[in-house]
Amino acid sequence: MMTLDDLSARSGSFAMHLARWRDGRQPNWEVLEVPEADRATVFYVMQRESLAALIAYLDALADHQLIDLNDAERLRIEVAELGDRI
């Protein structure tokens, strides 16, 4: 049975997006030069983009039959539940 952690081990991009959801990993705001007043909004947008990226990744794997369709559906539900937190 495939897990989100298994996919994270295979893809740095997937791991980065998943980490943003799991532990609230935030970028280095000073390097990005984002004003403090805008950071919450920018982070919200980044989280939504990460959610879309995770779902797209799962869809692509399922479409190309690189993971079992049942695993793909279960993982989509897990990702959606992460998205319910915002």
N, C-alpha and C. Protein backbone atom coordinates (compact mmCIF):
# COMPACT_ATOMS: atom_id res chain seq x y z
N MET A 1 0.85 -1.17 0.00
CA MET A 1 0.00 0.00 0.00
C MET A 1 0.91 1.25 0.00
N MET A 2 0.69 2.12 -0.94
CA MET A 2 1.46 3.35 -1.12
C MET A 2 1.03 4.38 -0.07
N THR A 3 2.00 5.14 0.45
CA THR A 3 1.70 6.19 1.41
C THR A 3 2.22 7.53 0.89
N LEU A 4 1.78 8.60 1.53
CA LEU A 4 2.29 9.92 1.17
C LEU A 4 3.79 10.00 1.42
N ASP A 5 4.26 9.34 2.47
CA ASP A 5 5.70 9.33 2.76
C ASP A 5 6.48 8.60 1.67
N ASP A 6 5.91 7.53 1.12
CA ASP A 6 6.57 6.82 0.02
C ASP A 6 6.76 7.76 -1.18
N LEU A 7 5.72 8.51 -1.49
CA LEU A 7 5.81 9.44 -2.62
C LEU A 7 6.78 10.58 -2.32
N SER A 8 6.82 11.01 -1.08
CA SER A 8 7.78 12.06 -0.69
C SER A 8 9.21 11.59 -0.88
N ALA A 9 9.46 10.32 -0.60
CA ALA A 9 10.81 9.77 -0.76
C ALA A 9 11.22 9.72 -2.22
N ARG A 10 10.25 9.67 -3.12
CA ARG A 10 10.53 9.59 -4.56
C ARG A 10 10.65 10.94 -5.23
N SER A 11 10.03 11.96 -4.65
CA SER A 11 9.96 13.26 -5.32
C SER A 11 10.21 14.39 -4.34
N GLY A 12 11.26 15.14 -4.59
CA GLY A 12 11.56 16.30 -3.76
C GLY A 12 10.45 17.35 -3.81
N SER A 13 9.87 17.52 -4.98
CA SER A 13 8.78 18.48 -5.13
C SER A 13 7.57 18.07 -4.30
N PHE A 14 7.21 16.80 -4.39
CA PHE A 14 6.09 16.29 -3.61
C PHE A 14 6.38 16.46 -2.13
N ALA A 15 7.61 16.14 -1.73
CA ALA A 15 8.01 16.25 -0.32
C ALA A 15 7.89 17.69 0.18
N MET A 16 8.30 18.65 -0.64
CA MET A 16 8.23 20.06 -0.25
C MET A 16 6.78 20.50 -0.05
N HIS A 17 5.93 20.13 -1.00
CA HIS A 17 4.52 20.52 -0.89
C HIS A 17 3.85 19.84 0.31
N LEU A 18 4.18 18.58 0.54
CA LEU A 18 3.59 17.86 1.66
C LEU A 18 4.08 18.45 2.99
N ALA A 19 5.35 18.79 3.06
CA ALA A 19 5.90 19.38 4.29
C ALA A 19 5.23 20.71 4.61
N ARG A 20 4.91 21.47 3.59
CA ARG A 20 4.22 22.75 3.82
C ARG A 20 2.89 22.51 4.53
N TRP A 21 2.25 21.38 4.23
CA TRP A 21 0.97 21.06 4.87
C TRP A 21 1.15 20.44 6.24
N ARG A 22 2.07 19.52 6.34
CA ARG A 22 2.20 18.77 7.59
C ARG A 22 2.75 19.61 8.73
N ASP A 23 3.79 20.35 8.47
CA ASP A 23 4.43 21.07 9.57
C ASP A 23 4.39 22.58 9.41
N GLY A 24 3.62 23.05 8.45
CA GLY A 24 3.49 24.49 8.26
C GLY A 24 4.78 25.15 7.83
N ARG A 25 5.63 24.39 7.14
CA ARG A 25 6.92 24.92 6.71
C ARG A 25 6.70 26.20 5.91
N GLN A 26 7.39 27.24 6.35
CA GLN A 26 7.26 28.54 5.71
C GLN A 26 8.58 28.92 5.04
N PRO A 27 8.47 29.71 4.00
CA PRO A 27 9.69 30.13 3.31
C PRO A 27 10.46 31.16 4.14
N ASN A 28 11.65 31.46 3.70
CA ASN A 28 12.46 32.51 4.33
C ASN A 28 11.93 33.86 3.83
N TRP A 29 11.07 34.47 4.64
CA TRP A 29 10.39 35.69 4.21
C TRP A 29 11.35 36.83 3.91
N GLU A 30 12.44 36.89 4.64
CA GLU A 30 13.39 37.98 4.42
C GLU A 30 14.05 37.86 3.05
N VAL A 31 14.40 36.65 2.67
CA VAL A 31 15.00 36.45 1.35
C VAL A 31 14.00 36.80 0.25
N LEU A 32 12.75 36.43 0.46
CA LEU A 32 11.71 36.73 -0.53
C LEU A 32 11.27 38.19 -0.49
N GLU A 33 11.67 38.89 0.55
CA GLU A 33 11.32 40.29 0.74
C GLU A 33 9.80 40.53 0.72
N VAL A 34 9.10 39.67 1.46
CA VAL A 34 7.65 39.81 1.60
C VAL A 34 7.40 40.60 2.88
N PRO A 35 6.68 41.70 2.79
CA PRO A 35 6.38 42.48 3.99
C PRO A 35 5.59 41.64 5.01
N GLU A 36 5.84 41.87 6.27
CA GLU A 36 5.21 41.09 7.32
C GLU A 36 3.68 41.12 7.23
N ALA A 37 3.13 42.24 6.85
CA ALA A 37 1.67 42.37 6.76
C ALA A 37 1.08 41.46 5.68
N ASP A 38 1.86 41.07 4.68
CA ASP A 38 1.37 40.26 3.56
C ASP A 38 1.66 38.77 3.73
N ARG A 39 2.42 38.40 4.72
CA ARG A 39 2.90 37.02 4.83
C ARG A 39 1.78 36.00 5.02
N ALA A 40 0.80 36.31 5.81
CA ALA A 40 -0.30 35.36 6.04
C ALA A 40 -1.05 35.08 4.74
N THR A 41 -1.31 36.12 3.97
CA THR A 41 -2.01 35.96 2.70
C THR A 41 -1.16 35.18 1.70
N VAL A 42 0.11 35.53 1.62
CA VAL A 42 1.01 34.83 0.70
C VAL A 42 1.12 33.36 1.09
N PHE A 43 1.23 33.08 2.37
CA PHE A 43 1.35 31.69 2.82
C PHE A 43 0.07 30.91 2.51
N TYR A 44 -1.08 31.54 2.68
CA TYR A 44 -2.35 30.90 2.34
C TYR A 44 -2.38 30.51 0.87
N VAL A 45 -1.96 31.42 0.01
CA VAL A 45 -1.91 31.15 -1.43
C VAL A 45 -0.92 30.01 -1.71
N MET A 46 0.22 30.03 -1.05
CA MET A 46 1.21 28.97 -1.23
C MET A 46 0.64 27.61 -0.80
N GLN A 47 -0.11 27.59 0.29
CA GLN A 47 -0.71 26.33 0.74
C GLN A 47 -1.73 25.82 -0.27
N ARG A 48 -2.55 26.71 -0.81
CA ARG A 48 -3.54 26.31 -1.81
C ARG A 48 -2.85 25.76 -3.06
N GLU A 49 -1.75 26.40 -3.47
CA GLU A 49 -1.00 25.92 -4.63
C GLU A 49 -0.37 24.56 -4.33
N SER A 50 0.10 24.37 -3.11
CA SER A 50 0.67 23.08 -2.74
C SER A 50 -0.40 21.99 -2.75
N LEU A 51 -1.57 22.31 -2.28
CA LEU A 51 -2.67 21.35 -2.30
C LEU A 51 -2.97 20.94 -3.74
N ALA A 52 -3.06 21.91 -4.63
CA ALA A 52 -3.32 21.61 -6.05
C ALA A 52 -2.20 20.77 -6.64
N ALA A 53 -0.96 21.08 -6.29
CA ALA A 53 0.19 20.33 -6.82
C ALA A 53 0.16 18.88 -6.35
N LEU A 54 -0.16 18.66 -5.07
CA LEU A 54 -0.22 17.29 -4.55
C LEU A 54 -1.30 16.47 -5.25
N ILE A 55 -2.46 17.07 -5.43
CA ILE A 55 -3.55 16.36 -6.11
C ILE A 55 -3.20 16.11 -7.57
N ALA A 56 -2.60 17.08 -8.24
CA ALA A 56 -2.20 16.90 -9.64
C ALA A 56 -1.16 15.78 -9.76
N TYR A 57 -0.23 15.72 -8.83
CA TYR A 57 0.79 14.68 -8.84
C TYR A 57 0.14 13.30 -8.72
N LEU A 58 -0.80 13.17 -7.78
CA LEU A 58 -1.50 11.90 -7.60
C LEU A 58 -2.31 11.53 -8.83
N ASP A 59 -2.98 12.52 -9.42
CA ASP A 59 -3.76 12.28 -10.63
C ASP A 59 -2.87 11.80 -11.78
N ALA A 60 -1.71 12.44 -11.93
CA ALA A 60 -0.80 12.05 -13.00
C ALA A 60 -0.29 10.63 -12.80
N LEU A 61 0.07 10.28 -11.57
CA LEU A 61 0.53 8.92 -11.31
C LEU A 61 -0.56 7.90 -11.61
N ALA A 62 -1.78 8.21 -11.22
CA ALA A 62 -2.90 7.31 -11.48
C ALA A 62 -3.20 7.22 -12.98
N ASP A 63 -3.18 8.36 -13.67
CA ASP A 63 -3.45 8.36 -15.11
C ASP A 63 -2.45 7.52 -15.88
N HIS A 64 -1.20 7.55 -15.44
CA HIS A 64 -0.15 6.78 -16.12
C HIS A 64 0.02 5.39 -15.52
N GLN A 65 -0.90 5.04 -14.63
CA GLN A 65 -0.94 3.73 -13.97
C GLN A 65 0.38 3.41 -13.26
N LEU A 66 0.96 4.44 -12.64
CA LEU A 66 2.20 4.26 -11.88
C LEU A 66 1.92 3.93 -10.43
N ILE A 67 0.68 4.14 -10.00
CA ILE A 67 0.24 3.68 -8.69
C ILE A 67 -1.15 3.08 -8.86
N ASP A 68 -1.49 2.22 -7.95
CA ASP A 68 -2.79 1.57 -7.95
C ASP A 68 -3.90 2.62 -7.82
N LEU A 69 -4.98 2.45 -8.56
CA LEU A 69 -6.07 3.42 -8.53
C LEU A 69 -6.70 3.54 -7.15
N ASN A 70 -6.78 2.45 -6.41
CA ASN A 70 -7.32 2.51 -5.05
C ASN A 70 -6.40 3.31 -4.14
N ASP A 71 -5.08 3.12 -4.29
CA ASP A 71 -4.13 3.91 -3.52
C ASP A 71 -4.26 5.39 -3.87
N ALA A 72 -4.38 5.67 -5.16
CA ALA A 72 -4.49 7.06 -5.59
C ALA A 72 -5.71 7.73 -4.96
N GLU A 73 -6.83 7.05 -4.96
CA GLU A 73 -8.05 7.62 -4.38
C GLU A 73 -7.89 7.83 -2.87
N ARG A 74 -7.32 6.86 -2.20
CA ARG A 74 -7.12 6.96 -0.74
C ARG A 74 -6.17 8.13 -0.43
N LEU A 75 -5.11 8.27 -1.23
CA LEU A 75 -4.16 9.36 -1.00
C LEU A 75 -4.77 10.72 -1.31
N ARG A 76 -5.62 10.79 -2.33
CA ARG A 76 -6.33 12.05 -2.61
C ARG A 76 -7.17 12.46 -1.41
N ILE A 77 -7.81 11.50 -0.79
CA ILE A 77 -8.64 11.79 0.39
C ILE A 77 -7.75 12.29 1.53
N GLU A 78 -6.59 11.65 1.73
CA GLU A 78 -5.67 12.11 2.77
C GLU A 78 -5.23 13.55 2.52
N VAL A 79 -4.92 13.85 1.26
CA VAL A 79 -4.49 15.21 0.91
C VAL A 79 -5.64 16.19 1.12
N ALA A 80 -6.84 15.80 0.73
CA ALA A 80 -8.01 16.68 0.93
C ALA A 80 -8.24 16.95 2.41
N GLU A 81 -8.02 15.95 3.24
CA GLU A 81 -8.18 16.15 4.69
C GLU A 81 -7.14 17.13 5.22
N LEU A 82 -5.93 17.10 4.65
CA LEU A 82 -4.93 18.10 5.03
C LEU A 82 -5.44 19.48 4.65
N GLY A 83 -6.05 19.59 3.49
CA GLY A 83 -6.56 20.86 3.01
C GLY A 83 -7.70 21.41 3.84
N ASP A 84 -8.40 20.55 4.55
CA ASP A 84 -9.51 21.00 5.40
C ASP A 84 -9.02 21.83 6.58
N ARG A 85 -7.72 21.81 6.84
CA ARG A 85 -7.19 22.53 8.00
C ARG A 85 -7.14 24.03 7.78
N ILE A 86 -7.21 24.48 6.54
CA ILE A 86 -7.11 25.94 6.35
C ILE A 86 -8.47 26.57 6.20
